[in-house]
């Protein structure tokens, strides 16, 4: 998923970028724009799932961007941040379908709560609709079991959140959310555990070279693979292979 942060004040963009861990919410790309005109072009090009924008900017305001999203029927959700608490701004924001309206100064907890509400309202409904249309899963337990099975059987392939969302017929952010709730483990950590377990098996039971093992379990960079393996087993892949009784 992508998020676009827009403000004519560079310090505010940096503040919002660092306010939360975007990856933990399922966002893999954080786009920024120093003004509404640049943001309009990025909206058209990237169609981000979420727009966070200041309400008052030269040329194109945050409300103008919200109107563009509504008129073009983009699926982008909007959080407006404003130094103006007047009711008229809130009224316009609602008319353009803005999901959340925050007044400066924006505090971390308030922002995180607003972000959580946007994700839950938007993606829970989408997931319900998709499941109903596809008729694939009866409940969340079926989803989690299916995703786990897919990961175990395809550990060497691309297992990005977007890919897993497609195979589960769920929005990536929603899938990440329900997986963590059901298993108490982050989806990315589960994938790493499966891959490391398989790597250990291959090191013990085959004569494959270490770089071949690495590639078979889905990694391309040896230094990164070695670090993950050592974090999991306390030794490097080479040391692990030397000691077969692990």
C-alpha atoms as a PDB file:
ATOM      1  CA  UNK A   1       0.000   0.000   0.000  1.00  0.00           C
ATOM      2  CA  UNK A   2       0.982   3.614  -0.501  1.00  0.00           C
ATOM      3  CA  UNK A   3       0.379   6.732   1.578  1.00  0.00           C
ATOM      4  CA  UNK A   4       0.782  10.295   0.279  1.00  0.00           C
ATOM      5  CA  UNK A   5       1.646  13.054   2.782  1.00  0.00           C
ATOM      6  CA  UNK A   6       1.050  16.615   1.605  1.00  0.00           C
ATOM      7  CA  UNK A   7       1.917  19.945   3.216  1.00  0.00           C
ATOM      8  CA  UNK A   8       3.485  23.192   2.051  1.00  0.00           C
ATOM      9  CA  UNK A   9       5.661  23.154   5.181  1.00  0.00           C
ATOM     10  CA  UNK A  10       8.556  20.635   4.824  1.00  0.00           C
ATOM     11  CA  UNK A  11       8.946  20.245   8.597  1.00  0.00           C
ATOM     12  CA  UNK A  12       5.315  19.106   8.846  1.00  0.00           C
ATOM     13  CA  UNK A  13       5.854  16.457   6.192  1.00  0.00           C
ATOM     14  CA  UNK A  14       8.841  15.094   8.109  1.00  0.00           C
ATOM     15  CA  UNK A  15       6.864  15.193  11.356  1.00  0.00           C
ATOM     16  CA  UNK A  16       4.012  13.120   9.917  1.00  0.00           C
ATOM     17  CA  UNK A  17       6.451  10.691   8.248  1.00  0.00           C
ATOM     18  CA  UNK A  18       8.008   9.914  11.622  1.00  0.00           C
ATOM     19  CA  UNK A  19       4.812   9.954  13.668  1.00  0.00           C
ATOM     20  CA  UNK A  20       4.049   6.234  13.221  1.00  0.00           C
ATOM     21  CA  UNK A  21       5.689   3.082  11.896  1.00  0.00           C
ATOM     22  CA  UNK A  22       4.016   2.987   8.491  1.00  0.00           C
ATOM     23  CA  UNK A  23       5.192  -0.524   7.708  1.00  0.00           C
ATOM     24  CA  UNK A  24       3.335  -1.926  10.713  1.00  0.00           C
ATOM     25  CA  UNK A  25       0.105  -0.595   9.213  1.00  0.00           C
ATOM     26  CA  UNK A  26       0.757  -2.264   5.881  1.00  0.00           C
ATOM     27  CA  UNK A  27       2.158   0.754   4.024  1.00  0.00           C
ATOM     28  CA  UNK A  28       5.222  -0.120   1.951  1.00  0.00           C
ATOM     29  CA  UNK A  29       5.714   3.271   0.290  1.00  0.00           C
ATOM     30  CA  UNK A  30       5.489   6.770   1.777  1.00  0.00           C
ATOM     31  CA  UNK A  31       5.121   9.460  -0.895  1.00  0.00           C
ATOM     32  CA  UNK A  32       5.402  13.166  -0.123  1.00  0.00           C
ATOM     33  CA  UNK A  33       4.442  16.400  -1.878  1.00  0.00           C
ATOM     34  CA  UNK A  34       5.254  20.003  -0.966  1.00  0.00           C
ATOM     35  CA  UNK A  35       1.973  21.428  -2.166  1.00  0.00           C
ATOM     36  CA  UNK A  36      -1.328  20.565  -3.776  1.00  0.00           C
ATOM     37  CA  UNK A  37      -0.251  20.733  -7.425  1.00  0.00           C
ATOM     38  CA  UNK A  38       2.470  18.118  -6.955  1.00  0.00           C
ATOM     39  CA  UNK A  39       0.069  16.023  -4.866  1.00  0.00           C
ATOM     40  CA  UNK A  40      -2.555  16.074  -7.637  1.00  0.00           C
ATOM     41  CA  UNK A  41      -0.028  14.606 -10.079  1.00  0.00           C
ATOM     42  CA  UNK A  42       1.077  11.938  -7.600  1.00  0.00           C
ATOM     43  CA  UNK A  43      -2.555  10.997  -6.945  1.00  0.00           C
ATOM     44  CA  UNK A  44      -3.118  10.422 -10.641  1.00  0.00           C
ATOM     45  CA  UNK A  45       0.106   8.476 -11.115  1.00  0.00           C
ATOM     46  CA  UNK A  46       0.205   6.305  -7.988  1.00  0.00           C
ATOM     47  CA  UNK A  47      -3.417   6.127  -6.720  1.00  0.00           C
ATOM     48  CA  UNK A  48      -2.314   5.789  -3.069  1.00  0.00           C
ATOM     49  CA  UNK A  49      -4.668   4.086  -0.652  1.00  0.00           C
ATOM     50  CA  UNK A  50      -4.362   6.978   1.804  1.00  0.00           C
ATOM     51  CA  UNK A  51      -3.884  10.747   1.515  1.00  0.00           C
ATOM     52  CA  UNK A  52      -2.852  12.846   4.523  1.00  0.00           C
ATOM     53  CA  UNK A  53      -3.019  16.513   3.678  1.00  0.00           C
ATOM     54  CA  UNK A  54      -2.968  19.988   5.152  1.00  0.00           C
ATOM     55  CA  UNK A  55      -6.225  21.798   4.459  1.00  0.00           C
ATOM     56  CA  UNK A  56      -4.852  25.206   3.467  1.00  0.00           C
ATOM     57  CA  UNK A  57      -2.159  25.363   0.767  1.00  0.00           C
ATOM     58  CA  UNK A  58      -1.426  27.678  -2.187  1.00  0.00           C
ATOM     59  CA  UNK A  59      -3.144  26.890  -5.522  1.00  0.00           C
ATOM     60  CA  UNK A  60      -4.688  23.550  -4.511  1.00  0.00           C
ATOM     61  CA  UNK A  61      -5.903  23.012  -0.949  1.00  0.00           C
ATOM     62  CA  UNK A  62      -6.469  19.776   0.885  1.00  0.00           C
ATOM     63  CA  UNK A  63     -10.172  20.144   0.202  1.00  0.00           C
ATOM     64  CA  UNK A  64      -9.434  20.569  -3.514  1.00  0.00           C
ATOM     65  CA  UNK A  65      -7.494  17.295  -3.455  1.00  0.00           C
ATOM     66  CA  UNK A  66     -10.388  15.609  -1.646  1.00  0.00           C
ATOM     67  CA  UNK A  67     -12.775  16.889  -4.317  1.00  0.00           C
ATOM     68  CA  UNK A  68     -10.491  15.565  -7.085  1.00  0.00           C
ATOM     69  CA  UNK A  69     -10.477  12.140  -5.409  1.00  0.00           C
ATOM     70  CA  UNK A  70     -14.265  12.140  -5.131  1.00  0.00           C
ATOM     71  CA  UNK A  71     -14.871  13.350  -8.702  1.00  0.00           C
ATOM     72  CA  UNK A  72     -12.472  10.784 -10.180  1.00  0.00           C
ATOM     73  CA  UNK A  73     -13.773   8.020  -7.937  1.00  0.00           C
ATOM     74  CA  UNK A  74     -10.335   7.123  -6.653  1.00  0.00           C
ATOM     75  CA  UNK A  75     -10.343   4.633  -3.780  1.00  0.00           C
ATOM     76  CA  UNK A  76      -7.979   6.886  -1.810  1.00  0.00           C
ATOM     77  CA  UNK A  77      -9.066   7.594   1.777  1.00  0.00           C
ATOM     78  CA  UNK A  78      -8.324  11.035   3.210  1.00  0.00           C
ATOM     79  CA  UNK A  79      -7.164  12.380   6.554  1.00  0.00           C
ATOM     80  CA  UNK A  80      -7.280  16.187   6.691  1.00  0.00           C
ATOM     81  CA  UNK A  81      -4.931  18.051   9.052  1.00  0.00           C
ATOM     82  CA  UNK A  82      -5.799  21.653   9.728  1.00  0.00           C
ATOM     83  CA  UNK A  83      -4.930  24.640  11.838  1.00  0.00           C
ATOM     84  CA  UNK A  84      -8.512  25.740  11.316  1.00  0.00           C
ATOM     85  CA  UNK A  85     -11.177  24.306  13.567  1.00  0.00           C
ATOM     86  CA  UNK A  86     -14.093  26.287  12.106  1.00  0.00           C
ATOM     87  CA  UNK A  87     -17.205  24.254  11.416  1.00  0.00           C
ATOM     88  CA  UNK A  88     -17.345  25.251   7.725  1.00  0.00           C
ATOM     89  CA  UNK A  89     -14.104  23.399   6.989  1.00  0.00           C
ATOM     90  CA  UNK A  90     -15.375  20.268   8.722  1.00  0.00           C
ATOM     91  CA  UNK A  91     -18.632  20.516   6.740  1.00  0.00           C
ATOM     92  CA  UNK A  92     -16.765  20.681   3.428  1.00  0.00           C
ATOM     93  CA  UNK A  93     -14.505  17.819   4.438  1.00  0.00           C
ATOM     94  CA  UNK A  94     -17.509  15.606   5.156  1.00  0.00           C
ATOM     95  CA  UNK A  95     -19.102  16.559   1.827  1.00  0.00           C
ATOM     96  CA  UNK A  96     -16.004  15.388  -0.035  1.00  0.00           C
ATOM     97  CA  UNK A  97     -15.901  12.098   1.827  1.00  0.00           C
ATOM     98  CA  UNK A  98     -12.932  12.855   4.097  1.00  0.00           C
ATOM     99  CA  UNK A  99     -12.464   9.989   6.556  1.00  0.00           C
ATOM    100  CA  UNK A 100     -10.830  11.907   9.421  1.00  0.00           C
ATOM    101  CA  UNK A 101     -10.347  15.585  10.306  1.00  0.00           C
ATOM    102  CA  UNK A 102      -7.572  16.481  12.779  1.00  0.00           C
ATOM    103  CA  UNK A 103      -6.757  19.918  14.162  1.00  0.00           C
ATOM    104  CA  UNK A 104      -3.142  20.973  14.781  1.00  0.00           C
ATOM    105  CA  UNK A 105      -1.113  20.349  16.824  1.00  0.00           C
ATOM    106  CA  UNK A 106      -1.388  16.687  15.903  1.00  0.00           C
ATOM    107  CA  UNK A 107      -0.361  14.356  18.713  1.00  0.00           C
ATOM    108  CA  UNK A 108       0.961  10.848  18.134  1.00  0.00           C
ATOM    109  CA  UNK A 109      -1.851   9.011  19.941  1.00  0.00           C
ATOM    110  CA  UNK A 110      -4.585  11.040  18.239  1.00  0.00           C
ATOM    111  CA  UNK A 111      -3.036  10.437  14.841  1.00  0.00           C
ATOM    112  CA  UNK A 112      -2.582   6.709  15.447  1.00  0.00           C
ATOM    113  CA  UNK A 113      -6.203   6.386  16.546  1.00  0.00           C
ATOM    114  CA  UNK A 114      -7.422   8.257  13.464  1.00  0.00           C
ATOM    115  CA  UNK A 115      -5.297   6.050  11.211  1.00  0.00           C
ATOM    116  CA  UNK A 116      -6.608   2.922  12.892  1.00  0.00           C
ATOM    117  CA  UNK A 117     -10.216   4.062  12.420  1.00  0.00           C
ATOM    118  CA  UNK A 118      -9.638   4.749   8.722  1.00  0.00           C
ATOM    119  CA  UNK A 119      -8.119   1.321   8.144  1.00  0.00           C
ATOM    120  CA  UNK A 120     -10.796  -0.515  10.089  1.00  0.00           C
ATOM    121  CA  UNK A 121     -13.758   1.324   8.571  1.00  0.00           C
ATOM    122  CA  UNK A 122     -12.478   1.141   5.026  1.00  0.00           C
ATOM    123  CA  UNK A 123     -10.842  -2.238   4.823  1.00  0.00           C
ATOM    124  CA  UNK A 124     -13.095  -4.292   7.117  1.00  0.00           C
ATOM    125  CA  UNK A 125     -16.021  -3.404   4.854  1.00  0.00           C
ATOM    126  CA  UNK A 126     -14.011  -4.129   1.731  1.00  0.00           C
ATOM    127  CA  UNK A 127     -12.922  -7.488   3.062  1.00  0.00           C
ATOM    128  CA  UNK A 128     -16.497  -8.454   3.962  1.00  0.00           C
ATOM    129  CA  UNK A 129     -17.678  -7.508   0.482  1.00  0.00           C
ATOM    130  CA  UNK A 130     -14.883  -9.415  -1.232  1.00  0.00           C
ATOM    131  CA  UNK A 131     -15.423 -12.537   0.840  1.00  0.00           C
ATOM    132  CA  UNK A 132     -19.151 -12.428   0.198  1.00  0.00           C
ATOM    133  CA  UNK A 133     -18.620 -12.041  -3.547  1.00  0.00           C
ATOM    134  CA  UNK A 134     -15.938 -14.698  -3.849  1.00  0.00           C
ATOM    135  CA  UNK A 135     -17.436 -17.172  -1.415  1.00  0.00           C
ATOM    136  CA  UNK A 136     -13.919 -18.364  -0.633  1.00  0.00           C
ATOM    137  CA  UNK A 137     -13.753 -18.391   3.162  1.00  0.00           C
ATOM    138  CA  UNK A 138     -16.362 -18.920   5.842  1.00  0.00           C
ATOM    139  CA  UNK A 139     -14.500 -17.185   8.656  1.00  0.00           C
ATOM    140  CA  UNK A 140     -11.209 -15.630   9.686  1.00  0.00           C
ATOM    141  CA  UNK A 141      -9.867 -18.962  10.899  1.00  0.00           C
ATOM    142  CA  UNK A 142     -10.163 -20.332   7.368  1.00  0.00           C
ATOM    143  CA  UNK A 143      -8.288 -17.303   6.028  1.00  0.00           C
ATOM    144  CA  UNK A 144      -5.405 -17.695   8.483  1.00  0.00           C
ATOM    145  CA  UNK A 145      -5.120 -21.450   7.857  1.00  0.00           C
ATOM    146  CA  UNK A 146      -5.110 -20.924   4.102  1.00  0.00           C
ATOM    147  CA  UNK A 147      -2.452 -18.191   4.269  1.00  0.00           C
ATOM    148  CA  UNK A 148      -0.241 -20.291   6.557  1.00  0.00           C
ATOM    149  CA  UNK A 149      -0.541 -23.265   4.215  1.00  0.00           C
ATOM    150  CA  UNK A 150       0.288 -21.096   1.198  1.00  0.00           C
ATOM    151  CA  UNK A 151       3.399 -19.714   2.938  1.00  0.00           C
ATOM    152  CA  UNK A 152       4.622 -23.194   3.941  1.00  0.00           C
ATOM    153  CA  UNK A 153       4.175 -24.459   0.384  1.00  0.00           C
ATOM    154  CA  UNK A 154       5.588 -21.377  -1.371  1.00  0.00           C
ATOM    155  CA  UNK A 155       8.322 -20.200   1.008  1.00  0.00           C
ATOM    156  CA  UNK A 156      10.740 -19.622  -1.888  1.00  0.00           C
ATOM    157  CA  UNK A 157       8.421 -17.319  -3.823  1.00  0.00           C
ATOM    158  CA  UNK A 158       7.495 -13.654  -3.456  1.00  0.00           C
ATOM    159  CA  UNK A 159       5.459 -13.455  -0.234  1.00  0.00           C
ATOM    160  CA  UNK A 160       4.848  -9.723  -0.070  1.00  0.00           C
ATOM    161  CA  UNK A 161       1.777  -8.443   1.736  1.00  0.00           C
ATOM    162  CA  UNK A 162       0.237  -7.465  -1.593  1.00  0.00           C
ATOM    163  CA  UNK A 163       0.705 -10.982  -2.973  1.00  0.00           C
ATOM    164  CA  UNK A 164      -0.763 -12.645   0.126  1.00  0.00           C
ATOM    165  CA  UNK A 165      -3.663 -10.191   0.120  1.00  0.00           C
ATOM    166  CA  UNK A 166      -4.535 -11.242  -3.423  1.00  0.00           C
ATOM    167  CA  UNK A 167      -4.429 -14.961  -2.728  1.00  0.00           C
ATOM    168  CA  UNK A 168      -6.597 -14.456   0.387  1.00  0.00           C
ATOM    169  CA  UNK A 169      -8.994 -12.049  -1.413  1.00  0.00           C
ATOM    170  CA  UNK A 170      -8.417  -9.464   1.316  1.00  0.00           C
ATOM    171  CA  UNK A 171      -6.922  -6.007   1.481  1.00  0.00           C
ATOM    172  CA  UNK A 172      -3.251  -6.368   2.561  1.00  0.00           C
ATOM    173  CA  UNK A 173      -3.677  -4.131   5.618  1.00  0.00           C
ATOM    174  CA  UNK A 174      -6.739  -6.052   6.755  1.00  0.00           C
ATOM    175  CA  UNK A 175      -4.986  -9.408   6.276  1.00  0.00           C
ATOM    176  CA  UNK A 176      -2.005  -8.195   8.312  1.00  0.00           C
ATOM    177  CA  UNK A 177      -4.347  -7.006  11.066  1.00  0.00           C
ATOM    178  CA  UNK A 178      -6.377 -10.215  11.434  1.00  0.00           C
ATOM    179  CA  UNK A 179      -3.276 -12.439  11.158  1.00  0.00           C
ATOM    180  CA  UNK A 180      -1.657 -10.619  14.090  1.00  0.00           C
ATOM    181  CA  UNK A 181      -4.872 -10.746  16.112  1.00  0.00           C
ATOM    182  CA  UNK A 182      -5.351 -14.476  15.498  1.00  0.00           C
ATOM    183  CA  UNK A 183      -1.761 -15.654  15.939  1.00  0.00           C
ATOM    184  CA  UNK A 184      -0.129 -12.901  18.049  1.00  0.00           C
ATOM    185  CA  UNK A 185       2.681 -12.995  15.459  1.00  0.00           C
ATOM    186  CA  UNK A 186       3.394 -10.461  12.726  1.00  0.00           C
ATOM    187  CA  UNK A 187       2.847 -11.917   9.266  1.00  0.00           C
ATOM    188  CA  UNK A 188       6.375 -10.966   8.191  1.00  0.00           C
ATOM    189  CA  UNK A 189       7.842 -12.714  11.245  1.00  0.00           C
ATOM    190  CA  UNK A 190       5.853 -15.854  10.471  1.00  0.00           C
ATOM    191  CA  UNK A 191       7.219 -15.902   6.920  1.00  0.00           C
ATOM    192  CA  UNK A 192      10.781 -15.503   8.221  1.00  0.00           C
ATOM    193  CA  UNK A 193      10.297 -18.354  10.734  1.00  0.00           C
ATOM    194  CA  UNK A 194       9.026 -20.707   8.026  1.00  0.00           C
ATOM    195  CA  UNK A 195      11.922 -19.821   5.732  1.00  0.00           C
ATOM    196  CA  UNK A 196      14.542 -20.212   8.446  1.00  0.00           C
ATOM    197  CA  UNK A 197      13.153 -23.607   9.475  1.00  0.00           C
ATOM    198  CA  UNK A 198      13.294 -24.776   5.868  1.00  0.00           C
ATOM    199  CA  UNK A 199      16.814 -23.386   5.466  1.00  0.00           C
ATOM    200  CA  UNK A 200      17.937 -25.356   8.527  1.00  0.00           C
ATOM    201  CA  UNK A 201      16.434 -28.547   7.090  1.00  0.00           C
ATOM    202  CA  UNK A 202      18.195 -28.037   3.754  1.00  0.00           C
ATOM    203  CA  UNK A 203      21.517 -27.334   5.447  1.00  0.00           C
ATOM    204  CA  UNK A 204      21.288 -30.539   7.482  1.00  0.00           C
ATOM    205  CA  UNK A 205      19.745 -32.882   4.947  1.00  0.00           C
ATOM    206  CA  UNK A 206      21.202 -31.838   1.585  1.00  0.00           C
ATOM    207  CA  UNK A 207      24.546 -31.029  -0.013  1.00  0.00           C
ATOM    208  CA  UNK A 208      23.267 -27.768  -1.500  1.00  0.00           C
ATOM    209  CA  UNK A 209      25.672 -24.861  -1.234  1.00  0.00           C
ATOM    210  CA  UNK A 210      24.726 -22.153   1.219  1.00  0.00           C
ATOM    211  CA  UNK A 211      23.904 -19.627  -1.506  1.00  0.00           C
ATOM    212  CA  UNK A 212      21.677 -22.269  -3.160  1.00  0.00           C
ATOM    213  CA  UNK A 213      19.840 -22.826   0.122  1.00  0.00           C
ATOM    214  CA  UNK A 214      19.451 -19.073   0.482  1.00  0.00           C
ATOM    215  CA  UNK A 215      17.880 -18.754  -2.967  1.00  0.00           C
ATOM    216  CA  UNK A 216      15.590 -21.733  -2.460  1.00  0.00           C
ATOM    217  CA  UNK A 217      14.053 -20.154   0.628  1.00  0.00           C
ATOM    218  CA  UNK A 218      13.453 -16.821  -1.059  1.00  0.00           C
ATOM    219  CA  UNK A 219      16.464 -14.611  -0.353  1.00  0.00           C
ATOM    220  CA  UNK A 220      18.918 -12.901  -2.700  1.00  0.00           C
ATOM    221  CA  UNK A 221      21.368 -11.170  -0.347  1.00  0.00           C
ATOM    222  CA  UNK A 222      23.701 -13.465   1.548  1.00  0.00           C
ATOM    223  CA  UNK A 223      24.502 -10.991   4.314  1.00  0.00           C
ATOM    224  CA  UNK A 224      20.811 -10.466   5.083  1.00  0.00           C
ATOM    225  CA  UNK A 225      20.091 -14.205   4.961  1.00  0.00           C
ATOM    226  CA  UNK A 226      23.012 -14.931   7.293  1.00  0.00           C
ATOM    227  CA  UNK A 227      21.822 -12.281   9.765  1.00  0.00           C
ATOM    228  CA  UNK A 228      18.275 -13.679   9.866  1.00  0.00           C
ATOM    229  CA  UNK A 229      19.577 -17.216  10.283  1.00  0.00           C
ATOM    230  CA  UNK A 230      21.914 -16.226  13.125  1.00  0.00           C
ATOM    231  CA  UNK A 231      19.117 -14.301  14.849  1.00  0.00           C
ATOM    232  CA  UNK A 232      17.023 -17.483  14.724  1.00  0.00           C
ATOM    233  CA  UNK A 233      19.638 -20.145  15.591  1.00  0.00           C
ATOM    234  CA  UNK A 234      22.499 -18.239  17.206  1.00  0.00           C
ATOM    235  CA  UNK A 235      25.030 -19.368  14.586  1.00  0.00           C
ATOM    236  CA  UNK A 236      25.701 -18.626  10.929  1.00  0.00           C
ATOM    237  CA  UNK A 237      24.468 -21.057   8.232  1.00  0.00           C
ATOM    238  CA  UNK A 238      28.058 -22.275   7.748  1.00  0.00           C
ATOM    239  CA  UNK A 239      28.497 -22.963  11.476  1.00  0.00           C
ATOM    240  CA  UNK A 240      25.107 -24.666  11.611  1.00  0.00           C
ATOM    241  CA  UNK A 241      26.040 -27.047   8.803  1.00  0.00           C
ATOM    242  CA  UNK A 242      29.322 -27.956  10.527  1.00  0.00           C
ATOM    243  CA  UNK A 243      27.448 -29.074  13.632  1.00  0.00           C
ATOM    244  CA  UNK A 244      24.865 -31.606  12.402  1.00  0.00           C
ATOM    245  CA  UNK A 245      23.487 -32.343  15.871  1.00  0.00           C
ATOM    246  CA  UNK A 246      21.746 -28.957  16.125  1.00  0.00           C
END
